[in-house]
N, C-alpha and C. Protein backbone atom coordinates (compact mmCIF):
# COMPACT_ATOMS: atom_id res chain seq x y z
N SER A 1 0.82 -1.24 0.04
CA SER A 1 0.03 -0.06 -0.04
C SER A 1 0.81 1.27 0.01
N CYS A 2 2.18 1.16 0.15
CA CYS A 2 3.02 2.28 0.24
C CYS A 2 3.55 2.70 -1.17
N LEU A 3 3.43 4.01 -1.41
CA LEU A 3 3.93 4.49 -2.79
C LEU A 3 5.39 4.40 -2.90
N ILE A 4 6.08 4.56 -1.80
CA ILE A 4 7.51 4.43 -1.80
C ILE A 4 7.99 3.12 -1.03
N ARG A 5 8.47 2.17 -1.70
CA ARG A 5 8.75 0.92 -1.01
C ARG A 5 9.95 1.10 -0.11
N GLY A 6 10.05 0.25 0.97
CA GLY A 6 11.07 0.33 1.92
C GLY A 6 10.59 0.04 3.30
N ARG A 7 11.49 0.15 4.28
CA ARG A 7 11.14 -0.06 5.71
C ARG A 7 10.85 1.25 6.36
N GLY A 8 9.60 1.55 6.64
CA GLY A 8 9.23 2.80 7.22
C GLY A 8 9.60 2.93 8.72
N LEU A 9 10.14 4.02 9.15
CA LEU A 9 10.37 4.36 10.50
C LEU A 9 9.62 5.71 10.85
N ALA A 10 9.30 5.82 12.07
CA ALA A 10 8.53 7.08 12.54
C ALA A 10 9.52 8.21 12.54
N GLY A 11 9.00 9.33 12.13
CA GLY A 11 9.88 10.57 12.27
C GLY A 11 10.93 10.68 11.21
N GLN A 12 11.67 11.73 11.39
CA GLN A 12 12.80 12.04 10.45
C GLN A 12 14.15 11.27 10.84
N CYS A 13 14.87 10.93 9.91
CA CYS A 13 16.21 10.37 10.19
C CYS A 13 16.97 11.24 11.10
N PRO A 14 17.60 10.68 12.24
CA PRO A 14 18.35 11.59 13.09
C PRO A 14 19.47 12.29 12.34
N ALA A 15 19.71 13.56 12.67
CA ALA A 15 20.62 14.40 11.90
C ALA A 15 21.96 14.23 12.47
N LYS A 16 22.99 14.55 11.58
CA LYS A 16 24.39 14.54 12.05
C LYS A 16 24.43 15.94 12.74
N ASP A 17 24.51 15.85 14.08
CA ASP A 17 24.26 17.04 14.87
C ASP A 17 25.32 18.17 14.71
N ASN A 18 26.54 17.79 14.57
CA ASN A 18 27.60 18.83 14.43
C ASN A 18 27.40 19.61 13.20
N VAL A 19 26.99 18.95 12.06
CA VAL A 19 26.88 19.65 10.84
C VAL A 19 25.65 20.66 10.87
N LEU A 20 24.59 20.03 11.43
CA LEU A 20 23.27 20.84 11.48
C LEU A 20 23.48 22.15 12.31
N LYS A 21 24.20 21.92 13.49
CA LYS A 21 24.27 23.14 14.34
C LYS A 21 25.25 24.16 13.96
N THR A 22 26.31 23.70 13.16
CA THR A 22 27.33 24.70 12.69
C THR A 22 27.09 25.20 11.35
N THR A 23 26.28 24.62 10.55
CA THR A 23 25.89 25.14 9.18
C THR A 23 24.51 25.32 8.86
N GLY A 24 23.57 24.70 9.65
CA GLY A 24 22.17 24.63 9.34
C GLY A 24 21.87 23.67 8.19
N VAL A 25 22.86 22.81 7.84
CA VAL A 25 22.68 21.77 6.72
C VAL A 25 22.27 20.50 7.51
N TYR A 26 21.24 19.96 6.96
CA TYR A 26 20.68 18.56 7.49
C TYR A 26 21.31 17.42 6.70
N LEU A 27 22.06 16.50 7.41
CA LEU A 27 22.41 15.23 6.77
C LEU A 27 22.03 14.09 7.73
N PRO A 28 21.34 13.05 7.24
CA PRO A 28 21.10 11.98 8.14
C PRO A 28 22.40 11.42 8.73
N ASP A 29 22.39 11.15 9.98
CA ASP A 29 23.60 10.58 10.67
C ASP A 29 23.96 9.19 10.14
N ASP A 30 22.97 8.45 9.76
CA ASP A 30 23.15 7.14 9.11
C ASP A 30 22.83 7.34 7.60
N VAL A 31 23.96 7.15 6.83
CA VAL A 31 23.86 7.29 5.40
C VAL A 31 22.76 6.39 4.72
N LEU A 32 22.42 5.36 5.38
CA LEU A 32 21.45 4.42 4.83
C LEU A 32 20.01 4.84 5.15
N CYS A 33 19.87 5.77 5.98
CA CYS A 33 18.52 6.26 6.39
C CYS A 33 18.04 7.44 5.38
N GLU A 34 17.18 7.15 4.57
CA GLU A 34 16.82 8.18 3.62
C GLU A 34 15.21 8.33 3.54
N SER A 35 14.85 9.50 3.24
CA SER A 35 13.36 9.78 3.16
C SER A 35 12.67 9.30 1.98
N GLY A 36 13.45 9.11 0.91
CA GLY A 36 12.81 8.83 -0.45
C GLY A 36 12.34 9.99 -1.19
N ARG A 37 12.67 11.22 -0.69
CA ARG A 37 12.22 12.51 -1.31
C ARG A 37 13.37 13.27 -1.73
N TYR A 38 13.25 13.96 -2.78
CA TYR A 38 14.19 15.00 -3.14
C TYR A 38 13.40 16.30 -3.38
N CYS A 39 13.47 17.23 -2.37
CA CYS A 39 12.60 18.45 -2.40
C CYS A 39 13.32 19.58 -1.87
N PHE A 40 13.56 20.61 -2.76
CA PHE A 40 14.31 21.79 -2.48
C PHE A 40 13.62 22.62 -1.28
N MET A 41 12.35 22.43 -1.11
CA MET A 41 11.67 23.26 -0.06
C MET A 41 12.04 22.74 1.34
N GLU A 42 12.38 21.50 1.47
CA GLU A 42 12.91 21.05 2.70
C GLU A 42 14.14 21.71 3.17
N ASP A 43 15.10 21.94 2.17
CA ASP A 43 16.31 22.51 2.48
C ASP A 43 16.08 24.06 2.59
N PHE A 44 15.12 24.61 1.87
CA PHE A 44 14.78 26.07 2.02
C PHE A 44 14.34 26.27 3.48
N ALA A 45 13.53 25.34 3.97
CA ALA A 45 12.96 25.67 5.28
C ALA A 45 14.04 25.63 6.46
N ARG A 46 15.11 24.76 6.17
CA ARG A 46 16.25 24.78 7.04
C ARG A 46 17.11 25.97 6.98
N PHE A 47 17.27 26.40 5.66
CA PHE A 47 17.93 27.68 5.43
C PHE A 47 17.25 28.82 6.13
N TRP A 48 15.98 28.86 6.01
CA TRP A 48 15.13 29.93 6.76
C TRP A 48 15.38 29.90 8.31
N ALA A 49 15.37 28.67 8.84
CA ALA A 49 15.47 28.58 10.30
C ALA A 49 16.88 29.04 10.70
N TYR A 50 17.87 28.65 10.04
CA TYR A 50 19.29 28.87 10.46
C TYR A 50 19.72 30.26 10.14
N HIS A 51 19.43 30.74 8.78
CA HIS A 51 20.09 31.90 8.38
C HIS A 51 19.07 33.14 8.32
N VAL A 52 17.86 32.90 8.41
CA VAL A 52 16.91 34.11 8.33
C VAL A 52 16.38 34.29 9.86
N VAL A 53 15.66 33.38 10.37
CA VAL A 53 15.26 33.59 11.66
C VAL A 53 16.46 33.54 12.67
N GLY A 54 17.39 32.70 12.37
CA GLY A 54 18.57 32.55 13.31
C GLY A 54 19.73 33.38 12.85
N ALA A 55 19.58 34.42 12.03
CA ALA A 55 20.66 35.13 11.59
C ALA A 55 21.54 35.75 12.70
N ALA A 56 20.87 36.10 13.83
CA ALA A 56 21.57 36.78 14.89
C ALA A 56 22.50 35.73 15.64
N CYS A 57 22.27 34.46 15.48
CA CYS A 57 23.01 33.48 16.13
C CYS A 57 24.28 33.11 15.46
N VAL A 58 24.22 33.26 14.13
CA VAL A 58 25.47 32.90 13.28
C VAL A 58 26.70 33.74 13.72
N GLY A 59 27.80 33.03 13.91
CA GLY A 59 28.97 33.75 14.19
C GLY A 59 29.29 34.03 15.68
N LYS A 60 28.23 33.74 16.57
CA LYS A 60 28.47 33.85 18.03
C LYS A 60 29.47 32.84 18.39
N THR A 61 30.52 33.17 19.11
CA THR A 61 31.55 32.18 19.38
C THR A 61 31.75 31.90 20.93
N SER A 62 30.76 32.32 21.70
CA SER A 62 30.81 32.00 23.20
C SER A 62 29.43 31.77 23.69
N SER A 63 29.37 31.01 24.78
CA SER A 63 28.03 30.80 25.41
C SER A 63 27.34 32.01 25.86
N GLY A 64 28.22 32.97 26.37
CA GLY A 64 27.68 34.21 26.95
C GLY A 64 26.95 35.00 25.92
N THR A 65 27.63 35.33 24.77
CA THR A 65 27.07 36.20 23.75
C THR A 65 25.92 35.41 23.08
N CYS A 66 26.05 34.07 22.95
CA CYS A 66 24.98 33.30 22.37
C CYS A 66 23.70 33.33 23.16
N GLY A 67 23.92 33.04 24.56
CA GLY A 67 22.89 32.92 25.45
C GLY A 67 22.09 34.24 25.71
N SER A 68 22.73 35.36 25.43
CA SER A 68 22.11 36.64 25.68
C SER A 68 21.40 37.14 24.43
N THR A 69 21.51 36.34 23.35
CA THR A 69 20.73 36.71 22.08
C THR A 69 19.50 35.86 22.00
N ALA A 70 18.35 36.67 21.80
CA ALA A 70 17.07 36.02 21.78
C ALA A 70 16.95 35.03 20.66
N GLY A 71 16.45 33.88 21.00
CA GLY A 71 16.24 32.82 19.91
C GLY A 71 17.40 31.93 19.67
N CYS A 72 18.52 32.08 20.48
CA CYS A 72 19.73 31.37 20.19
C CYS A 72 20.04 30.35 21.31
N ILE A 73 20.64 29.27 20.99
CA ILE A 73 21.02 28.21 21.92
C ILE A 73 22.53 27.92 21.70
N TRP A 74 23.28 27.71 22.82
CA TRP A 74 24.63 27.34 22.71
C TRP A 74 24.79 25.85 22.97
N ASP A 75 25.58 25.18 22.07
CA ASP A 75 25.74 23.71 22.31
C ASP A 75 27.23 23.53 22.77
N THR A 76 27.34 23.11 23.96
CA THR A 76 28.68 22.94 24.66
C THR A 76 29.47 21.86 23.90
N VAL A 77 28.87 20.81 23.46
CA VAL A 77 29.51 19.67 22.81
C VAL A 77 30.14 20.10 21.48
N VAL A 78 29.27 20.65 20.66
CA VAL A 78 29.68 21.13 19.29
C VAL A 78 30.50 22.40 19.37
N GLY A 79 30.20 23.25 20.42
CA GLY A 79 30.79 24.50 20.46
C GLY A 79 30.24 25.50 19.41
N ALA A 80 28.98 25.56 19.25
CA ALA A 80 28.33 26.42 18.24
C ALA A 80 27.00 27.00 18.79
N CYS A 81 26.70 28.21 18.23
CA CYS A 81 25.48 28.92 18.57
C CYS A 81 24.58 28.71 17.40
N TYR A 82 23.30 28.34 17.67
CA TYR A 82 22.33 28.05 16.62
C TYR A 82 21.04 28.46 16.98
N SER A 83 20.12 28.55 16.05
CA SER A 83 18.77 29.05 16.32
C SER A 83 17.83 27.97 16.92
N ASN A 84 16.95 28.44 17.81
CA ASN A 84 16.02 27.48 18.41
C ASN A 84 14.82 27.23 17.48
N SER A 85 14.85 27.88 16.33
CA SER A 85 13.81 27.56 15.32
C SER A 85 14.32 26.40 14.42
N THR A 86 13.41 25.59 13.94
CA THR A 86 13.78 24.54 12.96
C THR A 86 12.89 24.53 11.79
N ASP A 87 13.19 23.69 10.84
CA ASP A 87 12.36 23.69 9.55
C ASP A 87 10.91 23.35 10.00
N ASP A 88 10.65 22.58 11.03
CA ASP A 88 9.24 22.44 11.40
C ASP A 88 8.44 23.64 11.72
N ASP A 89 9.21 24.65 12.07
CA ASP A 89 8.53 26.03 12.33
C ASP A 89 8.17 26.80 11.08
N TYR A 90 8.69 26.38 9.96
CA TYR A 90 8.42 27.10 8.73
C TYR A 90 6.95 26.91 8.28
N ALA A 91 6.25 28.05 8.12
CA ALA A 91 4.85 27.88 7.80
C ALA A 91 4.61 28.70 6.52
N GLY A 92 5.62 29.05 5.76
CA GLY A 92 5.44 29.78 4.58
C GLY A 92 5.77 31.33 4.73
N LEU A 93 5.95 31.91 3.59
CA LEU A 93 6.32 33.41 3.66
C LEU A 93 5.44 34.11 2.61
N PRO A 94 5.23 35.43 2.77
CA PRO A 94 4.63 36.17 1.71
C PRO A 94 5.42 35.98 0.39
N ALA A 95 4.68 35.93 -0.73
CA ALA A 95 5.29 35.62 -1.96
C ALA A 95 6.56 36.39 -2.29
N ASN A 96 6.42 37.71 -2.07
CA ASN A 96 7.56 38.58 -2.36
C ASN A 96 8.81 38.27 -1.67
N GLU A 97 8.65 37.93 -0.35
CA GLU A 97 9.76 37.60 0.54
C GLU A 97 10.38 36.32 0.14
N PHE A 98 9.49 35.29 -0.22
CA PHE A 98 9.91 33.99 -0.59
C PHE A 98 10.78 34.08 -1.85
N ILE A 99 10.21 34.80 -2.90
CA ILE A 99 10.99 34.86 -4.13
C ILE A 99 12.33 35.68 -3.97
N ALA A 100 12.29 36.64 -3.16
CA ALA A 100 13.47 37.46 -2.88
C ALA A 100 14.57 36.51 -2.30
N LEU A 101 14.22 35.71 -1.35
CA LEU A 101 15.15 34.72 -0.74
C LEU A 101 15.68 33.71 -1.70
N LEU A 102 14.80 33.20 -2.55
CA LEU A 102 15.20 32.24 -3.52
C LEU A 102 16.25 32.83 -4.52
N GLY A 103 16.22 34.19 -4.72
CA GLY A 103 17.12 34.76 -5.64
C GLY A 103 18.34 35.43 -4.94
N SER A 104 18.42 35.15 -3.62
CA SER A 104 19.47 35.81 -2.90
C SER A 104 20.80 35.19 -2.92
N PHE A 105 21.82 35.92 -2.62
CA PHE A 105 23.15 35.33 -2.49
C PHE A 105 23.23 34.35 -1.30
N GLU A 106 22.62 34.68 -0.26
CA GLU A 106 22.61 33.86 0.97
C GLU A 106 22.10 32.44 0.62
N TRP A 107 21.00 32.28 -0.10
CA TRP A 107 20.45 30.96 -0.51
C TRP A 107 21.44 30.21 -1.30
N GLU A 108 22.03 30.94 -2.29
CA GLU A 108 23.06 30.20 -3.16
C GLU A 108 24.23 29.72 -2.34
N ALA A 109 24.66 30.59 -1.35
CA ALA A 109 25.81 30.23 -0.57
C ALA A 109 25.43 29.09 0.28
N TYR A 110 24.21 28.98 0.84
CA TYR A 110 23.76 27.84 1.65
C TYR A 110 23.73 26.57 0.79
N LYS A 111 23.29 26.59 -0.45
CA LYS A 111 23.30 25.44 -1.31
C LYS A 111 24.70 24.90 -1.58
N GLU A 112 25.67 25.87 -1.73
CA GLU A 112 27.04 25.48 -1.94
C GLU A 112 27.64 24.87 -0.71
N ASN A 113 27.30 25.41 0.47
CA ASN A 113 27.71 24.86 1.74
C ASN A 113 27.14 23.48 1.98
N ARG A 114 25.88 23.21 1.54
CA ARG A 114 25.30 21.87 1.63
C ARG A 114 26.10 20.91 0.82
N GLU A 115 26.35 21.24 -0.36
CA GLU A 115 27.14 20.32 -1.30
C GLU A 115 28.51 19.95 -0.74
N GLU A 116 29.12 21.08 -0.22
CA GLU A 116 30.47 20.84 0.40
C GLU A 116 30.34 19.88 1.62
N ALA A 117 29.24 20.05 2.38
CA ALA A 117 29.10 19.25 3.59
C ALA A 117 28.75 17.79 3.21
N LEU A 118 28.02 17.54 2.12
CA LEU A 118 27.70 16.25 1.65
C LEU A 118 29.01 15.52 1.12
N GLN A 119 29.81 16.33 0.40
CA GLN A 119 31.02 15.70 -0.16
C GLN A 119 32.00 15.36 1.04
N ALA A 120 32.09 16.29 1.96
CA ALA A 120 33.02 16.05 3.14
C ALA A 120 32.66 14.86 3.96
N ASN A 121 31.38 14.50 3.89
CA ASN A 121 30.90 13.41 4.63
C ASN A 121 30.68 12.13 3.79
N GLY A 122 31.36 12.06 2.61
CA GLY A 122 31.31 10.88 1.80
C GLY A 122 29.98 10.64 1.06
N ARG A 123 29.31 11.76 0.71
CA ARG A 123 28.02 11.61 0.08
C ARG A 123 27.92 12.41 -1.26
N SER A 124 29.00 12.30 -2.04
CA SER A 124 29.03 12.96 -3.35
C SER A 124 27.87 12.54 -4.21
N PHE A 125 27.47 11.24 -4.03
CA PHE A 125 26.36 10.72 -4.79
C PHE A 125 25.06 11.54 -4.61
N ALA A 126 24.84 12.06 -3.43
CA ALA A 126 23.68 12.81 -3.10
C ALA A 126 23.73 14.23 -3.83
N VAL A 127 24.94 14.80 -3.98
CA VAL A 127 25.06 16.04 -4.69
C VAL A 127 24.54 15.84 -6.15
N THR A 128 24.96 14.78 -6.81
CA THR A 128 24.66 14.48 -8.11
C THR A 128 23.12 14.26 -8.25
N GLU A 129 22.50 13.46 -7.32
CA GLU A 129 21.16 13.10 -7.31
C GLU A 129 20.24 14.39 -7.09
N GLU A 130 20.68 15.22 -6.14
CA GLU A 130 19.85 16.39 -5.85
C GLU A 130 19.86 17.41 -6.93
N ARG A 131 20.95 17.56 -7.65
CA ARG A 131 20.99 18.48 -8.75
C ARG A 131 20.04 18.06 -9.82
N GLN A 132 19.82 16.81 -9.99
CA GLN A 132 18.98 16.29 -11.06
C GLN A 132 17.48 16.20 -10.57
N MET A 133 17.27 15.83 -9.28
CA MET A 133 16.00 15.42 -8.80
C MET A 133 15.15 16.59 -8.28
N THR A 134 15.75 17.71 -7.90
CA THR A 134 14.86 18.71 -7.41
C THR A 134 15.57 20.15 -7.70
N GLY A 135 14.77 21.14 -7.74
CA GLY A 135 15.33 22.48 -7.95
C GLY A 135 14.19 23.48 -8.24
N VAL A 136 14.57 24.66 -8.39
CA VAL A 136 13.71 25.82 -8.76
C VAL A 136 14.44 26.78 -9.70
N ARG A 137 13.70 27.26 -10.61
CA ARG A 137 14.27 28.33 -11.53
C ARG A 137 13.32 29.62 -11.56
N LEU A 138 13.99 30.67 -11.39
CA LEU A 138 13.32 32.02 -11.39
C LEU A 138 13.38 32.53 -12.79
N ASN A 139 12.53 33.52 -13.07
CA ASN A 139 12.59 34.21 -14.33
C ASN A 139 13.85 35.09 -14.39
N ALA A 140 14.07 35.70 -15.53
CA ALA A 140 15.30 36.49 -15.64
C ALA A 140 15.38 37.66 -14.67
N ALA A 141 14.19 38.32 -14.41
CA ALA A 141 14.21 39.37 -13.48
C ALA A 141 14.17 38.98 -12.01
N LYS A 142 14.08 37.67 -11.75
CA LYS A 142 14.03 37.10 -10.40
C LYS A 142 12.89 37.62 -9.58
N THR A 143 11.68 37.71 -10.31
CA THR A 143 10.51 38.19 -9.64
C THR A 143 9.41 37.14 -9.56
N ALA A 144 9.64 35.89 -10.15
CA ALA A 144 8.69 34.88 -10.11
C ALA A 144 9.32 33.53 -10.45
N ILE A 145 8.72 32.48 -9.94
CA ILE A 145 9.25 31.13 -10.33
C ILE A 145 8.84 30.77 -11.67
N SER A 146 9.73 30.37 -12.52
CA SER A 146 9.43 29.85 -13.88
C SER A 146 8.95 28.37 -13.82
N PHE A 147 9.74 27.57 -13.16
CA PHE A 147 9.31 26.25 -12.87
C PHE A 147 10.09 25.64 -11.65
N ALA A 148 9.55 24.58 -11.14
CA ALA A 148 10.21 23.91 -9.99
C ALA A 148 9.81 22.47 -10.14
N TRP A 149 10.68 21.58 -9.51
CA TRP A 149 10.43 20.19 -9.56
C TRP A 149 10.94 19.47 -8.28
N VAL A 150 10.21 18.38 -7.88
CA VAL A 150 10.63 17.51 -6.88
C VAL A 150 10.55 16.15 -7.34
N SER A 151 11.16 15.18 -6.54
CA SER A 151 11.19 13.76 -6.98
C SER A 151 11.00 12.91 -5.81
N TYR A 152 10.44 11.66 -6.15
CA TYR A 152 10.37 10.67 -5.11
C TYR A 152 11.07 9.40 -5.56
N ASN A 153 11.78 8.73 -4.70
CA ASN A 153 12.40 7.46 -5.00
C ASN A 153 11.44 6.28 -4.82
N ALA A 154 10.76 6.02 -5.97
CA ALA A 154 9.63 5.03 -5.94
C ALA A 154 10.15 3.76 -6.58
N THR A 155 9.86 2.59 -5.97
CA THR A 155 10.33 1.35 -6.48
C THR A 155 9.13 0.55 -7.15
N TYR A 156 9.25 0.27 -8.42
CA TYR A 156 8.27 -0.50 -9.09
C TYR A 156 8.85 -1.08 -10.41
N PRO A 157 8.32 -2.14 -10.99
CA PRO A 157 8.85 -2.72 -12.19
C PRO A 157 8.80 -1.71 -13.33
N ARG A 158 9.94 -1.71 -14.11
CA ARG A 158 9.94 -0.63 -15.17
C ARG A 158 9.00 -1.14 -16.34
N GLU A 159 8.68 -2.37 -16.34
CA GLU A 159 7.77 -2.91 -17.43
C GLU A 159 6.64 -3.58 -16.81
N ASN A 160 5.36 -3.13 -16.99
CA ASN A 160 4.17 -3.62 -16.38
C ASN A 160 3.15 -3.90 -17.50
N SER A 161 2.09 -4.62 -17.02
CA SER A 161 0.99 -4.73 -17.93
C SER A 161 0.36 -3.20 -18.02
N LEU A 162 -0.43 -3.01 -18.96
CA LEU A 162 -1.17 -1.69 -19.07
C LEU A 162 -1.96 -1.47 -17.83
N GLU A 163 -2.64 -2.46 -17.36
CA GLU A 163 -3.52 -2.28 -16.15
C GLU A 163 -2.72 -1.94 -14.92
N GLU A 164 -1.65 -2.53 -14.76
CA GLU A 164 -0.77 -2.25 -13.61
C GLU A 164 -0.10 -0.80 -13.75
N ALA A 165 0.33 -0.44 -14.90
CA ALA A 165 0.91 0.85 -15.08
C ALA A 165 -0.14 1.92 -14.85
N ASN A 166 -1.36 1.74 -15.37
CA ASN A 166 -2.47 2.75 -15.05
C ASN A 166 -2.76 2.84 -13.69
N GLU A 167 -2.74 1.75 -12.96
CA GLU A 167 -2.95 1.79 -11.49
C GLU A 167 -1.89 2.62 -10.75
N TRP A 168 -0.66 2.35 -11.11
CA TRP A 168 0.40 3.08 -10.51
C TRP A 168 0.32 4.64 -10.85
N HIS A 169 -0.01 4.98 -12.05
CA HIS A 169 -0.22 6.37 -12.49
C HIS A 169 -1.35 6.99 -11.71
N GLN A 170 -2.51 6.31 -11.51
CA GLN A 170 -3.62 6.83 -10.82
C GLN A 170 -3.25 7.04 -9.31
N ARG A 171 -2.52 6.15 -8.77
CA ARG A 171 -2.15 6.29 -7.33
C ARG A 171 -1.35 7.52 -7.05
N TRP A 172 -0.36 7.83 -7.99
CA TRP A 172 0.50 8.93 -7.83
C TRP A 172 -0.39 10.30 -8.15
N GLU A 173 -1.22 10.12 -9.14
CA GLU A 173 -2.08 11.27 -9.44
C GLU A 173 -3.04 11.64 -8.22
N SER A 174 -3.54 10.67 -7.55
CA SER A 174 -4.31 10.84 -6.45
C SER A 174 -3.50 11.60 -5.30
N PHE A 175 -2.27 11.10 -5.16
CA PHE A 175 -1.35 11.60 -4.21
C PHE A 175 -1.11 13.09 -4.43
N HIS A 176 -0.87 13.46 -5.75
CA HIS A 176 -0.66 14.81 -6.16
C HIS A 176 -1.93 15.65 -5.79
N HIS A 177 -3.14 15.12 -6.17
CA HIS A 177 -4.33 16.02 -6.05
C HIS A 177 -4.57 16.16 -4.53
N GLU A 178 -4.24 15.16 -3.67
CA GLU A 178 -4.50 15.26 -2.31
C GLU A 178 -3.68 16.32 -1.60
N PHE A 179 -2.36 16.28 -1.86
CA PHE A 179 -1.39 17.08 -1.15
C PHE A 179 -1.00 18.39 -1.91
N ALA A 180 -1.25 18.53 -3.16
CA ALA A 180 -0.86 19.74 -3.92
C ALA A 180 -1.95 20.04 -4.90
N PRO A 181 -3.15 20.25 -4.52
CA PRO A 181 -4.25 20.47 -5.39
C PRO A 181 -4.23 21.77 -6.19
N SER A 182 -3.55 22.70 -5.70
CA SER A 182 -3.67 24.08 -6.31
C SER A 182 -2.38 24.53 -7.07
N ILE A 183 -1.40 23.72 -7.13
CA ILE A 183 -0.15 24.25 -7.79
C ILE A 183 0.04 23.82 -9.23
N GLY A 184 -0.89 22.97 -9.77
CA GLY A 184 -0.73 22.54 -11.11
C GLY A 184 0.34 21.50 -11.26
N GLY A 185 0.96 21.48 -12.38
CA GLY A 185 2.09 20.55 -12.60
C GLY A 185 1.71 19.18 -13.06
N ILE A 186 2.70 18.38 -13.37
CA ILE A 186 2.43 17.08 -13.94
C ILE A 186 3.39 16.07 -13.15
N GLN A 187 3.06 14.87 -13.27
CA GLN A 187 3.93 13.81 -12.77
C GLN A 187 4.45 12.97 -13.93
N THR A 188 5.78 12.51 -13.90
CA THR A 188 6.34 11.77 -14.97
C THR A 188 7.36 10.83 -14.47
N THR A 189 7.58 9.70 -15.03
CA THR A 189 8.51 8.67 -14.75
C THR A 189 8.75 7.84 -15.92
N GLU A 190 9.85 7.06 -15.95
CA GLU A 190 10.13 6.23 -17.12
C GLU A 190 9.12 5.13 -17.39
N MET A 191 8.49 4.67 -16.33
CA MET A 191 7.45 3.64 -16.43
C MET A 191 6.37 4.11 -17.29
N TYR A 192 5.99 5.41 -17.43
CA TYR A 192 4.90 5.86 -18.17
C TYR A 192 5.19 5.84 -19.61
N LEU A 193 6.47 5.85 -19.99
CA LEU A 193 6.78 5.65 -21.46
C LEU A 193 6.29 4.36 -21.98
N PHE A 194 6.54 3.35 -21.23
CA PHE A 194 6.14 2.07 -21.66
C PHE A 194 4.53 1.91 -21.48
N MET A 195 4.01 2.58 -20.56
CA MET A 195 2.53 2.62 -20.35
C MET A 195 1.91 3.24 -21.56
N ILE A 196 2.41 4.45 -22.03
CA ILE A 196 1.79 5.08 -23.15
C ILE A 196 1.99 4.30 -24.39
N THR A 197 3.13 3.68 -24.57
CA THR A 197 3.43 2.82 -25.75
C THR A 197 2.27 1.69 -25.79
N GLN A 198 2.11 1.00 -24.70
CA GLN A 198 1.01 -0.06 -24.68
C GLN A 198 -0.35 0.54 -24.89
N ARG A 199 -0.59 1.70 -24.39
CA ARG A 199 -1.94 2.28 -24.60
C ARG A 199 -2.26 2.64 -25.97
N GLU A 200 -1.22 3.18 -26.70
CA GLU A 200 -1.31 3.51 -28.12
C GLU A 200 -1.54 2.24 -28.93
N MET A 201 -0.85 1.18 -28.58
CA MET A 201 -0.92 -0.06 -29.33
C MET A 201 -2.24 -0.79 -29.25
N VAL A 202 -2.90 -0.58 -28.07
CA VAL A 202 -4.17 -1.38 -27.78
C VAL A 202 -5.44 -0.59 -28.01
N THR A 203 -5.28 0.77 -28.31
CA THR A 203 -6.48 1.58 -28.53
C THR A 203 -6.56 2.10 -29.98
C-alpha cells in the first residue's frame, strides 16, 4: 500500500548534529537512512530557520554572547550557537519575501555549503542526485518562479501490464491531487513511457 517501497520508520532520520548546528545543513547521521524524497523546499525551510530567523545566532563564538541573544542556543559539545527555530517551524512566507530569498546570495551560498558538507561526509552521490531530482528556476528578473520540480524514489517494475501501469499512475495522481491540489504541474517517470506505448498499441 506504500507508494515508496522500503522499511518505514517514525519521524525524520536523526541528523548529523555537528553539521546541522554549525551550518544549518541537515544530513542523516546514518547514510542508509533516507526519506525517499528530493525536495528543495525542505532545504529552504532549514535555510530559513538557520540563516533568516537565526541570523543573529550565526557567528556567535561564546556561550555568553549566544545565550544573551534572543532565539539562540549554545551547544557545549559542538561549540556552536544556533537558532532554536527549526524547519518544522516554517509555515510559509509572503510571496515577495519567498521569491527574494530564492534569488538571494545567501540561499546560493547555503546550497554550496550543503554540497560541500555532503562531499566532506562521503556523500558525493547525493550532490549529483539532488542537482537532477529537485530544484527551482526563477525568471530573468528574479520576480517569479518559472518552474520547480521535486522527485520521489519510488520502487516499481519498469515494465508492467497496461492495467498495472495505469494503477500506478492513478495512485500517484491521487497523491498529487490530495497534497498539492492548487499548484498545477504534472507527474512523470520512465514507467509511463512504456505505459503510453502499450496504450497506443491497444487503442
